[in-house]
């Protein structure tokens, strides 16, 4: 059975089981961003993510593979099924 997946707002991999706007507290296993539907914009500090913004988390993910460098120990590479649809 195939379940529809949704993109993580930070790393963009399809790791969410519900749309991010409806998910509270899901932590992406690829980048370790904790979903925070309460932030109003990508530049708002996220209380769920030690006060970093989503834009900072995206930049961090591109630099070293996690939303924060301290979270590298918790992440895993994306599965082929999470890499997106062509």
PDB file of N, CA and C in Angstrom:
ATOM      1  N   UNK A   1       0.836  -1.180   0.000  1.00  0.00           N
ATOM      2  CA  UNK A   1       0.000   0.000   0.000  1.00  0.00           C
ATOM      3  C   UNK A   1       0.881   1.245   0.000  1.00  0.00           C
ATOM      4  N   UNK A   2       0.602   2.166  -0.887  1.00  0.00           N
ATOM      5  CA  UNK A   2       1.373   3.392  -1.008  1.00  0.00           C
ATOM      6  C   UNK A   2       0.692   4.514  -0.238  1.00  0.00           C
ATOM      7  N   UNK A   3       1.426   5.144   0.661  1.00  0.00           N
ATOM      8  CA  UNK A   3       0.915   6.295   1.389  1.00  0.00           C
ATOM      9  C   UNK A   3       1.483   7.562   0.781  1.00  0.00           C
ATOM     10  N   UNK A   4       0.644   8.563   0.601  1.00  0.00           N
ATOM     11  CA  UNK A   4       1.121   9.839   0.087  1.00  0.00           C
ATOM     12  C   UNK A   4       2.049  10.467   1.120  1.00  0.00           C
ATOM     13  N   UNK A   5       3.158  11.002   0.674  1.00  0.00           N
ATOM     14  CA  UNK A   5       4.117  11.677   1.544  1.00  0.00           C
ATOM     15  C   UNK A   5       4.181  13.152   1.154  1.00  0.00           C
ATOM     16  N   UNK A   6       4.589  13.969   2.113  1.00  0.00           N
ATOM     17  CA  UNK A   6       4.680  15.415   1.916  1.00  0.00           C
ATOM     18  C   UNK A   6       6.101  15.879   2.210  1.00  0.00           C
ATOM     19  N   UNK A   7       6.485  16.977   1.580  1.00  0.00           N
ATOM     20  CA  UNK A   7       7.843  17.476   1.707  1.00  0.00           C
ATOM     21  C   UNK A   7       8.104  18.146   3.043  1.00  0.00           C
ATOM     22  N   UNK A   8       9.272  17.875   3.575  1.00  0.00           N
ATOM     23  CA  UNK A   8       9.760  18.573   4.760  1.00  0.00           C
ATOM     24  C   UNK A   8      10.026  20.025   4.362  1.00  0.00           C
ATOM     25  N   UNK A   9       9.620  20.985   5.169  1.00  0.00           N
ATOM     26  CA  UNK A   9       9.866  22.384   4.828  1.00  0.00           C
ATOM     27  C   UNK A   9      11.345  22.755   4.840  1.00  0.00           C
ATOM     28  N   UNK A  10      12.181  21.972   5.497  1.00  0.00           N
ATOM     29  CA  UNK A  10      13.599  22.292   5.588  1.00  0.00           C
ATOM     30  C   UNK A  10      14.414  21.636   4.462  1.00  0.00           C
ATOM     31  N   UNK A  11      14.433  20.325   4.398  1.00  0.00           N
ATOM     32  CA  UNK A  11      15.287  19.620   3.426  1.00  0.00           C
ATOM     33  C   UNK A  11      14.579  19.299   2.115  1.00  0.00           C
ATOM     34  N   UNK A  12      13.258  19.419   2.083  1.00  0.00           N
ATOM     35  CA  UNK A  12      12.428  19.176   0.894  1.00  0.00           C
ATOM     36  C   UNK A  12      12.251  17.704   0.532  1.00  0.00           C
ATOM     37  N   UNK A  13      12.732  16.792   1.372  1.00  0.00           N
ATOM     38  CA  UNK A  13      12.487  15.383   1.096  1.00  0.00           C
ATOM     39  C   UNK A  13      11.088  15.002   1.573  1.00  0.00           C
ATOM     40  N   UNK A  14      10.528  13.995   0.960  1.00  0.00           N
ATOM     41  CA  UNK A  14       9.162  13.563   1.246  1.00  0.00           C
ATOM     42  C   UNK A  14       9.146  12.615   2.451  1.00  0.00           C
ATOM     43  N   UNK A  15       9.188  13.205   3.655  1.00  0.00           N
ATOM     44  CA  UNK A  15       9.246  12.421   4.887  1.00  0.00           C
ATOM     45  C   UNK A  15       7.994  12.560   5.740  1.00  0.00           C
ATOM     46  N   UNK A  16       7.121  13.494   5.418  1.00  0.00           N
ATOM     47  CA  UNK A  16       5.926  13.745   6.233  1.00  0.00           C
ATOM     48  C   UNK A  16       4.758  12.876   5.786  1.00  0.00           C
ATOM     49  N   UNK A  17       4.003  12.370   6.747  1.00  0.00           N
ATOM     50  CA  UNK A  17       2.813  11.576   6.438  1.00  0.00           C
ATOM     51  C   UNK A  17       1.565  12.431   6.249  1.00  0.00           C
ATOM     52  N   UNK A  18       1.586  13.640   6.747  1.00  0.00           N
ATOM     53  CA  UNK A  18       0.487  14.605   6.571  1.00  0.00           C
ATOM     54  C   UNK A  18       1.107  15.923   6.131  1.00  0.00           C
ATOM     55  N   UNK A  19       0.310  16.828   5.571  1.00  0.00           N
ATOM     56  CA  UNK A  19       0.871  18.120   5.164  1.00  0.00           C
ATOM     57  C   UNK A  19       1.514  18.835   6.359  1.00  0.00           C
ATOM     58  N   UNK A  20       2.654  19.494   6.170  1.00  0.00           N
ATOM     59  CA  UNK A  20       3.329  20.165   7.276  1.00  0.00           C
ATOM     60  C   UNK A  20       2.441  21.132   8.061  1.00  0.00           C
ATOM     61  N   UNK A  21       1.517  21.787   7.401  1.00  0.00           N
ATOM     62  CA  UNK A  21       0.630  22.721   8.101  1.00  0.00           C
ATOM     63  C   UNK A  21      -0.272  22.015   9.106  1.00  0.00           C
ATOM     64  N   UNK A  22      -0.449  20.713   8.945  1.00  0.00           N
ATOM     65  CA  UNK A  22      -1.318  19.934   9.831  1.00  0.00           C
ATOM     66  C   UNK A  22      -0.535  19.080  10.827  1.00  0.00           C
ATOM     67  N   UNK A  23       0.775  19.084  10.729  1.00  0.00           N
ATOM     68  CA  UNK A  23       1.595  18.204  11.561  1.00  0.00           C
ATOM     69  C   UNK A  23       2.215  18.995  12.702  1.00  0.00           C
ATOM     70  N   UNK A  24       2.062  18.514  13.909  1.00  0.00           N
ATOM     71  CA  UNK A  24       2.621  19.163  15.090  1.00  0.00           C
ATOM     72  C   UNK A  24       3.752  18.330  15.652  1.00  0.00           C
ATOM     73  N   UNK A  25       4.951  18.865  15.625  1.00  0.00           N
ATOM     74  CA  UNK A  25       6.059  18.236  16.309  1.00  0.00           C
ATOM     75  C   UNK A  25       6.750  17.091  15.596  1.00  0.00           C
ATOM     76  N   UNK A  26       6.433  16.821  14.337  1.00  0.00           N
ATOM     77  CA  UNK A  26       7.135  15.765  13.607  1.00  0.00           C
ATOM     78  C   UNK A  26       8.579  16.195  13.406  1.00  0.00           C
ATOM     79  N   UNK A  27       9.508  15.295  13.652  1.00  0.00           N
ATOM     80  CA  UNK A  27      10.920  15.587  13.429  1.00  0.00           C
ATOM     81  C   UNK A  27      11.369  14.803  12.201  1.00  0.00           C
ATOM     82  N   UNK A  28      11.826  15.536  11.207  1.00  0.00           N
ATOM     83  CA  UNK A  28      12.274  14.908   9.959  1.00  0.00           C
ATOM     84  C   UNK A  28      13.526  14.079  10.228  1.00  0.00           C
ATOM     85  N   UNK A  29      13.530  12.810   9.822  1.00  0.00           N
ATOM     86  CA  UNK A  29      14.700  11.960  10.052  1.00  0.00           C
ATOM     87  C   UNK A  29      15.883  12.293   9.145  1.00  0.00           C
ATOM     88  N   UNK A  30      15.654  13.094   8.104  1.00  0.00           N
ATOM     89  CA  UNK A  30      16.720  13.449   7.161  1.00  0.00           C
ATOM     90  C   UNK A  30      17.482  14.699   7.612  1.00  0.00           C
ATOM     91  N   UNK A  31      16.777  15.698   8.143  1.00  0.00           N
ATOM     92  CA  UNK A  31      17.441  16.952   8.528  1.00  0.00           C
ATOM     93  C   UNK A  31      17.273  17.317   9.999  1.00  0.00           C
ATOM     94  N   UNK A  32      16.376  16.647  10.698  1.00  0.00           N
ATOM     95  CA  UNK A  32      16.056  16.838  12.111  1.00  0.00           C
ATOM     96  C   UNK A  32      15.351  18.160  12.398  1.00  0.00           C
ATOM     97  N   UNK A  33      14.707  18.748  11.404  1.00  0.00           N
ATOM     98  CA  UNK A  33      13.853  19.916  11.634  1.00  0.00           C
ATOM     99  C   UNK A  33      12.584  19.430  12.312  1.00  0.00           C
ATOM    100  N   UNK A  34      12.224  20.053  13.441  1.00  0.00           N
ATOM    101  CA  UNK A  34      10.972  19.730  14.105  1.00  0.00           C
ATOM    102  C   UNK A  34       9.896  20.635  13.543  1.00  0.00           C
ATOM    103  N   UNK A  35       8.881  20.043  12.963  1.00  0.00           N
ATOM    104  CA  UNK A  35       7.846  20.837  12.313  1.00  0.00           C
ATOM    105  C   UNK A  35       7.213  21.808  13.301  1.00  0.00           C
ATOM    106  N   UNK A  36       7.070  23.049  12.873  1.00  0.00           N
ATOM    107  CA  UNK A  36       6.520  24.105  13.713  1.00  0.00           C
ATOM    108  C   UNK A  36       5.515  24.914  12.895  1.00  0.00           C
ATOM    109  N   UNK A  37       4.242  24.471  12.876  1.00  0.00           N
ATOM    110  CA  UNK A  37       3.250  25.191  12.070  1.00  0.00           C
ATOM    111  C   UNK A  37       2.878  26.557  12.644  1.00  0.00           C
ATOM    112  N   UNK A  38       3.435  26.932  13.789  1.00  0.00           N
ATOM    113  CA  UNK A  38       3.116  28.228  14.387  1.00  0.00           C
ATOM    114  C   UNK A  38       3.959  29.380  13.849  1.00  0.00           C
ATOM    115  N   UNK A  39       5.067  29.073  13.163  1.00  0.00           N
ATOM    116  CA  UNK A  39       5.862  30.175  12.614  1.00  0.00           C
ATOM    117  C   UNK A  39       5.129  30.773  11.424  1.00  0.00           C
ATOM    118  N   UNK A  40       5.125  32.099  11.370  1.00  0.00           N
ATOM    119  CA  UNK A  40       4.368  32.804  10.332  1.00  0.00           C
ATOM    120  C   UNK A  40       5.145  32.943   9.028  1.00  0.00           C
ATOM    121  N   UNK A  41       6.479  32.941   9.120  1.00  0.00           N
ATOM    122  CA  UNK A  41       7.291  33.058   7.909  1.00  0.00           C
ATOM    123  C   UNK A  41       8.587  32.286   8.101  1.00  0.00           C
ATOM    124  N   UNK A  42       9.326  32.108   7.021  1.00  0.00           N
ATOM    125  CA  UNK A  42      10.590  31.372   7.076  1.00  0.00           C
ATOM    126  C   UNK A  42      11.670  32.120   7.846  1.00  0.00           C
ATOM    127  N   UNK A  43      11.408  33.396   8.183  1.00  0.00           N
ATOM    128  CA  UNK A  43      12.366  34.201   8.941  1.00  0.00           C
ATOM    129  C   UNK A  43      11.989  34.349  10.412  1.00  0.00           C
ATOM    130  N   UNK A  44      10.899  33.716  10.842  1.00  0.00           N
ATOM    131  CA  UNK A  44      10.493  33.758  12.244  1.00  0.00           C
ATOM    132  C   UNK A  44      11.258  32.698  13.036  1.00  0.00           C
ATOM    133  N   UNK A  45      11.764  33.058  14.217  1.00  0.00           N
ATOM    134  CA  UNK A  45      12.431  32.054  15.056  1.00  0.00           C
ATOM    135  C   UNK A  45      11.443  30.956  15.457  1.00  0.00           C
ATOM    136  N   UNK A  46      11.896  29.728  15.419  1.00  0.00           N
ATOM    137  CA  UNK A  46      11.060  28.586  15.785  1.00  0.00           C
ATOM    138  C   UNK A  46      11.374  28.154  17.210  1.00  0.00           C
ATOM    139  N   UNK A  47      10.381  28.245  18.082  1.00  0.00           N
ATOM    140  CA  UNK A  47      10.543  27.779  19.451  1.00  0.00           C
ATOM    141  C   UNK A  47      10.805  26.286  19.529  1.00  0.00           C
ATOM    142  N   UNK A  48      10.350  25.550  18.534  1.00  0.00           N
ATOM    143  CA  UNK A  48      10.556  24.100  18.508  1.00  0.00           C
ATOM    144  C   UNK A  48      11.965  23.721  18.063  1.00  0.00           C
ATOM    145  N   UNK A  49      12.701  24.693  17.505  1.00  0.00           N
ATOM    146  CA  UNK A  49      14.017  24.415  16.928  1.00  0.00           C
ATOM    147  C   UNK A  49      15.093  25.347  17.484  1.00  0.00           C
ATOM    148  N   UNK A  50      15.089  25.522  18.784  1.00  0.00           N
ATOM    149  CA  UNK A  50      16.119  26.304  19.482  1.00  0.00           C
ATOM    150  C   UNK A  50      16.227  27.737  18.979  1.00  0.00           C
ATOM    151  N   UNK A  51      15.136  28.286  18.468  1.00  0.00           N
ATOM    152  CA  UNK A  51      15.112  29.686  18.052  1.00  0.00           C
ATOM    153  C   UNK A  51      15.666  29.981  16.672  1.00  0.00           C
ATOM    154  N   UNK A  52      16.087  28.948  15.937  1.00  0.00           N
ATOM    155  CA  UNK A  52      16.566  29.222  14.574  1.00  0.00           C
ATOM    156  C   UNK A  52      15.368  29.383  13.642  1.00  0.00           C
ATOM    157  N   UNK A  53      15.588  30.060  12.547  1.00  0.00           N
ATOM    158  CA  UNK A  53      14.528  30.236  11.555  1.00  0.00           C
ATOM    159  C   UNK A  53      14.581  29.091  10.549  1.00  0.00           C
ATOM    160  N   UNK A  54      13.514  28.931   9.810  1.00  0.00           N
ATOM    161  CA  UNK A  54      13.497  27.910   8.764  1.00  0.00           C
ATOM    162  C   UNK A  54      14.552  28.223   7.705  1.00  0.00           C
ATOM    163  N   UNK A  55      14.729  29.504   7.372  1.00  0.00           N
ATOM    164  CA  UNK A  55      15.769  29.851   6.394  1.00  0.00           C
ATOM    165  C   UNK A  55      17.161  29.494   6.902  1.00  0.00           C
ATOM    166  N   UNK A  56      17.429  29.703   8.194  1.00  0.00           N
ATOM    167  CA  UNK A  56      18.720  29.295   8.767  1.00  0.00           C
ATOM    168  C   UNK A  56      18.871  27.782   8.710  1.00  0.00           C
ATOM    169  N   UNK A  57      17.797  27.072   9.022  1.00  0.00           N
ATOM    170  CA  UNK A  57      17.838  25.604   8.995  1.00  0.00           C
ATOM    171  C   UNK A  57      18.105  25.085   7.588  1.00  0.00           C
ATOM    172  N   UNK A  58      17.470  25.696   6.587  1.00  0.00           N
ATOM    173  CA  UNK A  58      17.705  25.288   5.189  1.00  0.00           C
ATOM    174  C   UNK A  58      19.158  25.504   4.806  1.00  0.00           C
ATOM    175  N   UNK A  59      19.701  26.654   5.175  1.00  0.00           N
ATOM    176  CA  UNK A  59      21.101  26.961   4.883  1.00  0.00           C
ATOM    177  C   UNK A  59      22.023  25.970   5.591  1.00  0.00           C
ATOM    178  N   UNK A  60      21.729  25.682   6.847  1.00  0.00           N
ATOM    179  CA  UNK A  60      22.523  24.713   7.597  1.00  0.00           C
ATOM    180  C   UNK A  60      22.466  23.336   6.956  1.00  0.00           C
ATOM    181  N   UNK A  61      21.289  22.935   6.500  1.00  0.00           N
ATOM    182  CA  UNK A  61      21.160  21.616   5.869  1.00  0.00           C
ATOM    183  C   UNK A  61      22.055  21.534   4.626  1.00  0.00           C
ATOM    184  N   UNK A  62      22.068  22.593   3.843  1.00  0.00           N
ATOM    185  CA  UNK A  62      22.918  22.596   2.645  1.00  0.00           C
ATOM    186  C   UNK A  62      24.401  22.586   3.003  1.00  0.00           C
ATOM    187  N   UNK A  63      24.766  23.229   4.100  1.00  0.00           N
ATOM    188  CA  UNK A  63      26.174  23.294   4.521  1.00  0.00           C
ATOM    189  C   UNK A  63      26.686  21.982   5.091  1.00  0.00           C
ATOM    190  N   UNK A  64      25.906  21.375   6.010  1.00  0.00           N
ATOM    191  CA  UNK A  64      26.440  20.204   6.682  1.00  0.00           C
ATOM    192  C   UNK A  64      25.472  19.061   6.893  1.00  0.00           C
ATOM    193  N   UNK A  65      24.251  19.114   6.335  1.00  0.00           N
ATOM    194  CA  UNK A  65      23.374  17.952   6.325  1.00  0.00           C
ATOM    195  C   UNK A  65      22.416  17.801   7.482  1.00  0.00           C
ATOM    196  N   UNK A  66      22.198  18.873   8.255  1.00  0.00           N
ATOM    197  CA  UNK A  66      21.209  18.858   9.335  1.00  0.00           C
ATOM    198  C   UNK A  66      20.759  20.295   9.577  1.00  0.00           C
ATOM    199  N   UNK A  67      19.612  20.459  10.202  1.00  0.00           N
ATOM    200  CA  UNK A  67      19.099  21.807  10.447  1.00  0.00           C
ATOM    201  C   UNK A  67      20.003  22.593  11.393  1.00  0.00           C
ATOM    202  N   UNK A  68      20.716  21.891  12.263  1.00  0.00           N
ATOM    203  CA  UNK A  68      21.736  22.462  13.132  1.00  0.00           C
ATOM    204  C   UNK A  68      22.888  21.475  13.199  1.00  0.00           C
ATOM    205  N   UNK A  69      24.087  21.964  13.264  1.00  0.00           N
ATOM    206  CA  UNK A  69      25.245  21.081  13.257  1.00  0.00           C
ATOM    207  C   UNK A  69      25.213  20.082  14.414  1.00  0.00           C
ATOM    208  N   UNK A  70      24.690  20.507  15.565  1.00  0.00           N
ATOM    209  CA  UNK A  70      24.606  19.629  16.731  1.00  0.00           C
ATOM    210  C   UNK A  70      23.670  18.438  16.508  1.00  0.00           C
ATOM    211  N   UNK A  71      22.826  18.501  15.500  1.00  0.00           N
ATOM    212  CA  UNK A  71      21.848  17.443  15.243  1.00  0.00           C
ATOM    213  C   UNK A  71      22.329  16.400  14.243  1.00  0.00           C
ATOM    214  N   UNK A  72      23.553  16.543  13.747  1.00  0.00           N
ATOM    215  CA  UNK A  72      24.079  15.598  12.753  1.00  0.00           C
ATOM    216  C   UNK A  72      24.018  14.153  13.223  1.00  0.00           C
ATOM    217  N   UNK A  73      24.189  13.916  14.500  1.00  0.00           N
ATOM    218  CA  UNK A  73      24.181  12.546  15.017  1.00  0.00           C
ATOM    219  C   UNK A  73      22.815  11.866  14.893  1.00  0.00           C
ATOM    220  N   UNK A  74      21.760  12.651  14.683  1.00  0.00           N
ATOM    221  CA  UNK A  74      20.400  12.105  14.641  1.00  0.00           C
ATOM    222  C   UNK A  74      19.846  11.910  13.231  1.00  0.00           C
ATOM    223  N   UNK A  75      20.529  12.413  12.218  1.00  0.00           N
ATOM    224  CA  UNK A  75      19.976  12.357  10.859  1.00  0.00           C
ATOM    225  C   UNK A  75      20.423  11.101  10.127  1.00  0.00           C
ATOM    226  N   UNK A  76      19.716  10.833   9.040  1.00  0.00           N
ATOM    227  CA  UNK A  76      20.065   9.718   8.152  1.00  0.00           C
ATOM    228  C   UNK A  76      19.943  10.206   6.715  1.00  0.00           C
ATOM    229  N   UNK A  77      20.589   9.530   5.779  1.00  0.00           N
ATOM    230  CA  UNK A  77      20.419   9.900   4.381  1.00  0.00           C
ATOM    231  C   UNK A  77      18.977   9.668   3.930  1.00  0.00           C
ATOM    232  N   UNK A  78      18.508  10.434   2.949  1.00  0.00           N
ATOM    233  CA  UNK A  78      17.153  10.190   2.449  1.00  0.00           C
ATOM    234  C   UNK A  78      17.065   8.853   1.724  1.00  0.00           C
ATOM    235  N   UNK A  79      15.928   8.213   1.876  1.00  0.00           N
ATOM    236  CA  UNK A  79      15.640   6.985   1.133  1.00  0.00           C
ATOM    237  C   UNK A  79      15.295   7.368  -0.297  1.00  0.00           C
ATOM    238  N   UNK A  80      15.477   6.456  -1.221  1.00  0.00           N
ATOM    239  CA  UNK A  80      15.170   6.749  -2.626  1.00  0.00           C
ATOM    240  C   UNK A  80      13.702   7.136  -2.800  1.00  0.00           C
ATOM    241  N   UNK A  81      12.816   6.569  -1.994  1.00  0.00           N
ATOM    242  CA  UNK A  81      11.390   6.879  -2.085  1.00  0.00           C
ATOM    243  C   UNK A  81      11.053   8.279  -1.554  1.00  0.00           C
ATOM    244  N   UNK A  82      11.981   8.914  -0.862  1.00  0.00           N
ATOM    245  CA  UNK A  82      11.754  10.241  -0.293  1.00  0.00           C
ATOM    246  C   UNK A  82      12.320  11.368  -1.155  1.00  0.00           C
ATOM    247  N   UNK A  83      12.963  11.032  -2.232  1.00  0.00           N
ATOM    248  CA  UNK A  83      13.683  12.018  -3.034  1.00  0.00           C
ATOM    249  C   UNK A  83      12.819  12.820  -3.986  1.00  0.00           C
ATOM    250  N   UNK A  84      11.563  12.566  -4.042  1.00  0.00           N
ATOM    251  CA  UNK A  84      10.713  13.387  -4.881  1.00  0.00           C
ATOM    252  C   UNK A  84      10.224  12.682  -6.115  1.00  0.00           C
ATOM    253  N   UNK A  85       9.296  13.323  -6.720  1.00  0.00           N
ATOM    254  CA  UNK A  85       8.665  12.758  -7.910  1.00  0.00           C
ATOM    255  C   UNK A  85       9.080  13.575  -9.131  1.00  0.00           C
ATOM    256  N   UNK A  86       9.359  12.908 -10.212  1.00  0.00           N
ATOM    257  CA  UNK A  86       9.715  13.619 -11.448  1.00  0.00           C
ATOM    258  C   UNK A  86       8.478  14.057 -12.174  1.00  0.00           C
TER     259      UNK A  86
END
